[in-house]
Protein backbone atom coordinates (compact mmCIF):
# COMPACT_ATOMS: atom_id res chain seq x y z
CA MET A 1 50.78 22.75 96.08
CA GLY A 2 46.50 23.61 95.74
CA LEU A 3 44.48 23.43 98.24
CA LEU A 4 44.13 21.10 100.87
CA CYS A 5 41.17 18.95 101.88
CA GLY A 6 40.42 16.60 104.56
CA THR A 7 38.02 13.94 104.53
CA HIS A 8 37.55 10.72 106.49
CA SER A 9 39.90 7.42 106.18
CA GLY A 10 38.41 4.16 105.90
CA GLY A 11 36.16 3.36 103.30
CA PHE A 12 34.88 5.92 101.31
CA HIS A 13 31.56 6.97 100.10
CA ALA A 14 30.15 8.31 96.75
CA ASP A 15 29.41 12.36 98.94
CA ASP A 16 33.16 12.30 99.77
CA VAL A 17 34.15 11.15 96.12
CA LEU A 18 31.67 13.60 94.84
CA ALA A 19 32.25 16.55 97.11
CA PHE A 20 36.54 16.43 96.59
CA ALA A 21 35.91 16.42 92.40
CA LEU A 22 33.62 19.01 92.80
CA VAL A 23 36.57 21.42 94.67
CA GLN A 24 38.94 19.74 91.89
CA GLU A 25 36.30 21.07 88.64
CA PHE A 26 35.05 24.49 90.64
CA VAL A 27 37.47 25.77 93.02
CA ASP A 28 41.42 24.28 92.60
CA GLN A 29 42.54 21.60 90.06
CA ASP A 30 45.63 21.62 91.75
CA ALA A 31 43.62 20.81 94.99
CA VAL A 32 44.76 17.50 97.10
CA VAL A 33 42.94 15.44 99.31
CA VAL A 34 44.39 14.11 102.99
CA ARG A 35 42.31 11.01 104.35
CA SER A 36 42.13 11.26 108.55
CA ARG A 37 39.85 11.42 111.50
CA ASP A 38 42.66 12.81 113.54
CA PRO A 39 41.66 16.47 114.38
CA ASP A 40 44.60 17.84 114.36
CA VAL A 41 45.18 16.99 110.88
CA LEU A 42 41.62 17.88 109.52
CA ALA A 43 42.38 21.17 111.36
CA ARG A 44 45.19 22.04 108.69
CA CYS A 45 42.87 21.66 105.99
CA ASP A 46 41.54 24.70 104.23
CA ILE A 47 38.20 22.50 103.45
CA VAL A 48 36.73 19.46 105.05
CA PHE A 49 33.96 17.37 104.49
CA ASP A 50 32.26 14.35 105.76
CA VAL A 51 33.92 14.32 108.64
CA GLY A 52 35.00 16.60 111.80
CA ALA A 53 31.56 16.82 113.16
CA VAL A 54 31.39 20.41 112.42
CA PHE A 55 29.04 22.58 108.86
CA ASP A 56 30.09 25.89 108.89
CA PRO A 57 30.31 27.00 105.29
CA ALA A 58 31.97 29.89 106.38
CA HIS A 59 34.88 28.14 107.53
CA ARG A 60 34.40 26.10 104.08
CA ARG A 61 33.74 22.47 106.99
CA PHE A 62 30.97 20.49 105.57
CA ASP A 63 29.70 17.01 107.97
CA HIS A 64 26.59 16.17 108.22
CA HIS A 65 26.70 13.31 111.13
CA GLN A 66 26.07 15.75 113.92
CA ASN A 67 22.99 15.86 115.83
CA ASP A 68 22.54 19.63 115.29
CA TYR A 69 22.07 19.15 111.74
CA ARG A 70 18.74 19.17 110.62
CA GLY A 71 19.14 19.33 107.23
CA GLU A 72 19.09 16.35 104.17
CA LEU A 73 21.87 17.47 102.18
CA SER A 74 25.17 14.89 102.41
CA SER A 75 28.50 16.45 102.18
CA ALA A 76 28.16 16.69 98.81
CA GLY A 77 25.14 18.63 99.08
CA MET A 78 27.28 21.19 101.23
CA VAL A 79 29.73 21.50 98.96
CA LEU A 80 27.13 22.48 95.38
CA GLU A 81 25.33 24.67 97.78
CA TRP A 82 28.78 26.33 99.11
CA LEU A 83 29.92 26.81 95.28
CA LEU A 84 26.35 28.19 94.32
CA ALA A 85 26.87 30.91 97.55
CA THR A 86 30.19 32.19 96.28
CA GLY A 87 29.67 31.60 93.03
CA ALA A 88 31.90 29.24 91.85
CA VAL A 89 29.02 27.56 90.18
CA GLU A 90 25.88 29.15 88.32
CA PRO A 91 22.27 28.95 89.30
CA SER A 92 21.34 26.90 85.91
CA LEU A 93 24.66 24.66 86.24
CA ALA A 94 23.81 23.54 89.98
CA GLY A 95 20.62 22.88 88.56
CA VAL A 96 22.06 20.27 86.24
CA LEU A 97 24.19 18.46 88.69
CA ARG A 98 21.61 18.17 91.50
CA ALA A 99 18.26 17.05 89.11
CA GLU A 100 21.07 14.48 87.69
CA LEU A 101 23.34 13.83 90.32
CA VAL A 102 24.16 15.40 93.48
CA ASP A 103 20.23 14.73 94.99
CA HIS A 104 20.78 11.30 93.88
CA VAL A 105 23.83 10.91 96.09
CA ASP A 106 22.61 12.71 98.98
CA ALA A 107 19.06 10.76 99.16
CA VAL A 108 21.50 7.39 99.05
CA ASP A 109 24.20 8.61 101.65
CA THR A 110 21.45 9.79 103.96
CA GLY A 111 19.13 6.54 104.20
CA ARG A 112 16.43 8.86 102.06
CA ARG A 113 16.82 6.44 99.13
CA THR A 114 18.56 2.50 98.75
CA PRO A 115 20.09 2.09 95.20
CA GLN A 116 18.11 -0.24 93.14
CA ARG A 117 19.72 -4.18 92.77
CA GLY A 118 20.92 -4.94 89.55
CA VAL A 119 20.00 -1.44 87.98
CA PRO A 120 24.05 0.65 88.36
CA CYS A 121 24.08 3.52 90.35
CA PHE A 122 26.61 6.61 90.69
CA SER A 123 26.45 5.96 94.35
CA SER A 124 27.14 1.67 94.04
CA LEU A 125 29.92 1.77 91.02
CA ILE A 126 31.91 4.64 93.72
CA GLY A 127 30.45 1.95 96.48
CA MET A 128 32.55 -1.18 94.45
CA LEU A 129 35.57 0.77 94.26
CA ASN A 130 36.34 0.23 97.93
CA ASP A 131 35.98 -4.02 97.17
CA GLY A 132 38.26 -5.87 96.96
CA THR A 133 41.02 -3.91 99.69
CA ALA A 134 40.88 -3.42 103.71
CA GLU A 135 45.01 -1.48 103.46
CA SER A 136 44.42 2.43 104.49
CA ASP A 137 47.29 2.98 101.90
CA ASP A 138 45.27 1.17 99.06
CA LEU A 139 42.31 2.99 100.02
CA ASP A 140 43.85 6.21 99.24
CA THR A 141 44.52 4.87 96.22
CA CYS A 142 41.29 4.00 95.21
CA TYR A 143 39.51 6.80 96.56
CA ARG A 144 41.51 9.19 94.38
CA GLU A 145 41.20 7.31 91.47
CA ALA A 146 37.30 7.22 92.77
CA ALA A 147 37.33 11.25 93.03
CA ARG A 148 38.86 11.02 89.06
CA PHE A 149 36.14 8.74 87.78
CA ALA A 150 33.13 11.29 89.69
CA ARG A 151 35.65 14.70 88.16
CA ARG A 152 34.76 13.24 84.58
CA ILE A 153 30.93 12.50 85.58
CA VAL A 154 30.76 16.06 86.94
CA GLN A 155 33.00 17.32 83.72
CA GLY A 156 30.42 15.49 81.25
CA LEU A 157 27.71 17.09 83.11
CA ARG A 158 29.86 20.24 82.64
CA GLY A 159 29.74 19.89 78.70
CA SER A 160 25.69 18.92 78.56
CA HIS A 161 25.22 21.58 79.73
CA ALA A 162 27.60 24.30 78.15
CA ARG A 163 26.08 23.03 74.83
CA MET A 164 22.88 23.29 75.76
CA GLN A 165 23.20 26.97 77.02
CA ARG A 166 24.81 27.61 73.56
CA ALA A 167 21.49 25.72 71.37
CA ARG A 168 19.01 27.62 73.56
CA ALA A 169 20.05 30.20 72.41
CA LEU A 170 20.59 29.32 68.89
CA VAL A 171 17.06 27.52 68.93
CA HIS A 172 15.72 30.75 70.08
CA ALA A 173 16.59 33.56 67.53
CA ALA A 174 16.07 31.08 65.16
CA MET A 175 12.34 31.06 66.01
CA ASP A 176 12.56 34.34 66.03
CA ALA A 177 13.97 34.81 62.88
CA ALA A 178 10.77 32.56 61.48
CA VAL A 179 8.53 34.60 62.44
CA VAL A 180 9.92 37.55 61.11
CA ALA A 181 10.28 35.94 57.90
CA GLY A 182 6.80 34.23 57.69
CA ARG A 183 8.65 31.06 57.23
CA ARG A 184 7.61 27.40 58.79
CA THR A 185 10.69 25.63 58.80
CA LEU A 186 13.50 26.81 61.42
CA PHE A 187 17.22 26.89 59.70
CA PHE A 188 20.47 25.37 61.85
CA ASP A 189 23.97 25.02 60.36
CA GLU A 190 25.15 22.47 62.94
CA TYR A 191 23.04 19.35 64.34
CA LEU A 192 21.47 20.78 67.95
CA PRO A 193 19.90 19.51 70.69
CA TRP A 194 16.15 21.70 69.53
CA LYS A 195 13.54 20.30 71.39
CA SER A 196 13.56 20.90 74.76
CA ALA A 197 14.90 24.59 74.13
CA TYR A 198 11.68 25.06 71.43
CA PHE A 199 8.97 23.58 73.46
CA GLU A 200 10.42 26.11 76.68
CA LYS A 201 9.53 28.99 73.97
CA ASP A 202 5.95 28.36 72.89
CA GLY A 203 6.97 25.93 71.09
CA ILE A 204 3.49 24.62 70.79
CA THR A 205 1.82 28.04 69.52
CA HIS A 206 4.83 29.10 67.41
CA PRO A 207 4.20 28.74 63.52
CA THR A 208 6.78 27.02 62.57
CA ASP A 209 6.47 23.21 61.75
CA PHE A 210 9.92 21.66 60.42
CA VAL A 211 13.23 22.21 61.36
CA LEU A 212 16.41 21.53 58.26
CA MET A 213 20.15 20.66 60.26
CA PRO A 214 22.90 19.08 59.05
CA VAL A 215 23.67 15.34 60.43
CA ASP A 216 26.62 13.10 60.24
CA ASP A 217 27.02 13.55 56.28
CA ALA A 218 23.63 14.41 55.09
CA TRP A 219 20.47 16.91 55.63
CA ARG A 220 18.05 16.44 57.34
CA ILE A 221 14.38 17.53 56.92
CA VAL A 222 12.35 17.33 60.69
CA ALA A 223 8.78 17.43 61.49
CA ILE A 224 8.24 19.51 64.52
CA PRO A 225 6.23 17.13 67.37
CA PRO A 226 3.02 19.10 68.52
CA GLU A 227 4.42 18.92 71.77
CA PRO A 228 6.79 17.63 74.24
CA GLY A 229 7.45 13.60 74.24
CA SER A 230 4.12 13.03 71.46
CA PHE A 231 5.27 10.81 68.04
CA ALA A 232 2.61 13.08 66.23
CA GLN A 233 3.94 15.82 63.68
CA LYS A 234 2.22 19.33 63.83
CA VAL A 235 2.59 18.43 59.63
CA PRO A 236 3.73 15.47 58.83
CA LEU A 237 5.93 14.99 55.00
CA PRO A 238 3.87 14.10 52.38
CA GLU A 239 2.16 10.66 52.39
CA SER A 240 3.84 10.26 48.89
CA TRP A 241 7.22 10.09 50.70
CA ALA A 242 6.70 7.98 53.05
CA GLY A 243 8.50 4.66 53.61
CA LEU A 244 11.05 5.41 50.23
CA VAL A 245 14.78 5.23 50.02
CA ASP A 246 17.02 6.64 47.06
CA GLY A 247 16.06 6.53 43.52
CA GLU A 248 12.35 6.15 45.03
CA LEU A 249 12.47 9.14 46.91
CA GLU A 250 14.17 10.83 44.01
CA ALA A 251 11.86 9.73 41.95
CA VAL A 252 9.21 11.79 43.80
CA THR A 253 10.59 14.75 45.12
CA GLY A 254 12.18 15.17 41.82
CA VAL A 255 15.23 15.68 43.63
CA PRO A 256 18.88 14.33 43.05
CA GLY A 257 20.27 13.04 46.48
CA ALA A 258 17.36 12.67 48.50
CA ARG A 259 17.81 9.20 50.78
CA PHE A 260 15.40 8.31 52.83
CA CYS A 261 12.02 9.21 54.31
CA HIS A 262 10.80 7.56 57.55
CA LYS A 263 7.16 5.68 56.83
CA ASN A 264 6.08 7.69 59.73
CA ARG A 265 6.82 10.82 58.18
CA PHE A 266 8.12 12.78 61.16
CA VAL A 267 12.28 13.14 59.30
CA ALA A 268 13.62 13.19 55.41
CA VAL A 269 17.20 12.53 54.33
CA PHE A 270 18.96 14.45 51.20
CA ALA A 271 22.79 14.60 50.56
CA THR A 272 22.66 18.23 50.63
CA ARG A 273 21.05 21.43 51.93
CA ASP A 274 20.23 22.19 48.40
CA GLY A 275 18.21 19.35 47.66
CA ALA A 276 16.29 19.43 51.02
CA LEU A 277 15.78 23.30 50.57
CA ALA A 278 13.92 22.07 47.19
CA ALA A 279 11.83 19.12 48.01
CA MET A 280 10.17 21.63 50.95
CA ARG A 281 9.56 24.02 48.46
CA ARG A 282 8.14 21.27 45.99
CA PHE A 283 5.91 20.22 49.53
CA GLU A 284 5.39 23.90 50.43
CA LEU A 285 3.53 24.09 46.30
CA GLY A 286 1.95 21.26 46.86
CA ALA A 287 4.00 20.00 43.75
CA VAL A 288 4.13 16.18 46.12
């Protein structure tokens, strides 16, 4: 049996549900939870959150309701801070979890923010899982269902962070390689979310203008914008390509397999990498 976690009985909220999901994801996937307000039951727990009137990370007690706690964290934020302090979650991932999920849960649970009616959010969705039952056993079942949902969200954020970290390393390496080779184009052998990593590494002043990478079953040339969030391009694709598809674009580029160029000249699609490269070479030589 895994770690025994304790939280309050009765209706549950996003913070105690998320606290348990964080423990399962980063400490012990086999952790179990008991829902009670009985001090003797809670005293036997390895971790207690959102009940017990004690905030003591050293003893793994994470309640925020008592008068002597003056902070703005709910039990979810308390548990995340503990995970960060103990090294169970590395700082950049903790930052993502805060920004995308935990800070909002803390703010709603402590009354600093009210969910907007008609706009679903994590806290309101968890709250809905209480509805339809008042029986203790049923609420315990609903709590565990909510915790599985919460953990899946945490796993999604964790996976997205890992992908972004990997993409960041590949983008930065490609930027360095382009400078050394004197190239205007960044080459990727797979689809990457490149923009945030590009601009965090002085992308505004970087001497590259285009990205070439595969997307689905084709290769895409993307004109790099001059700054984050801009719909302009440092250098747009050729005016003669604008809005053309298939045979029309093949005729202008001289490349079989040319498929599409957006009328605003920020992206063009080709069937093969060699075709995209041939089109770029003609563009750079002024042949189109």
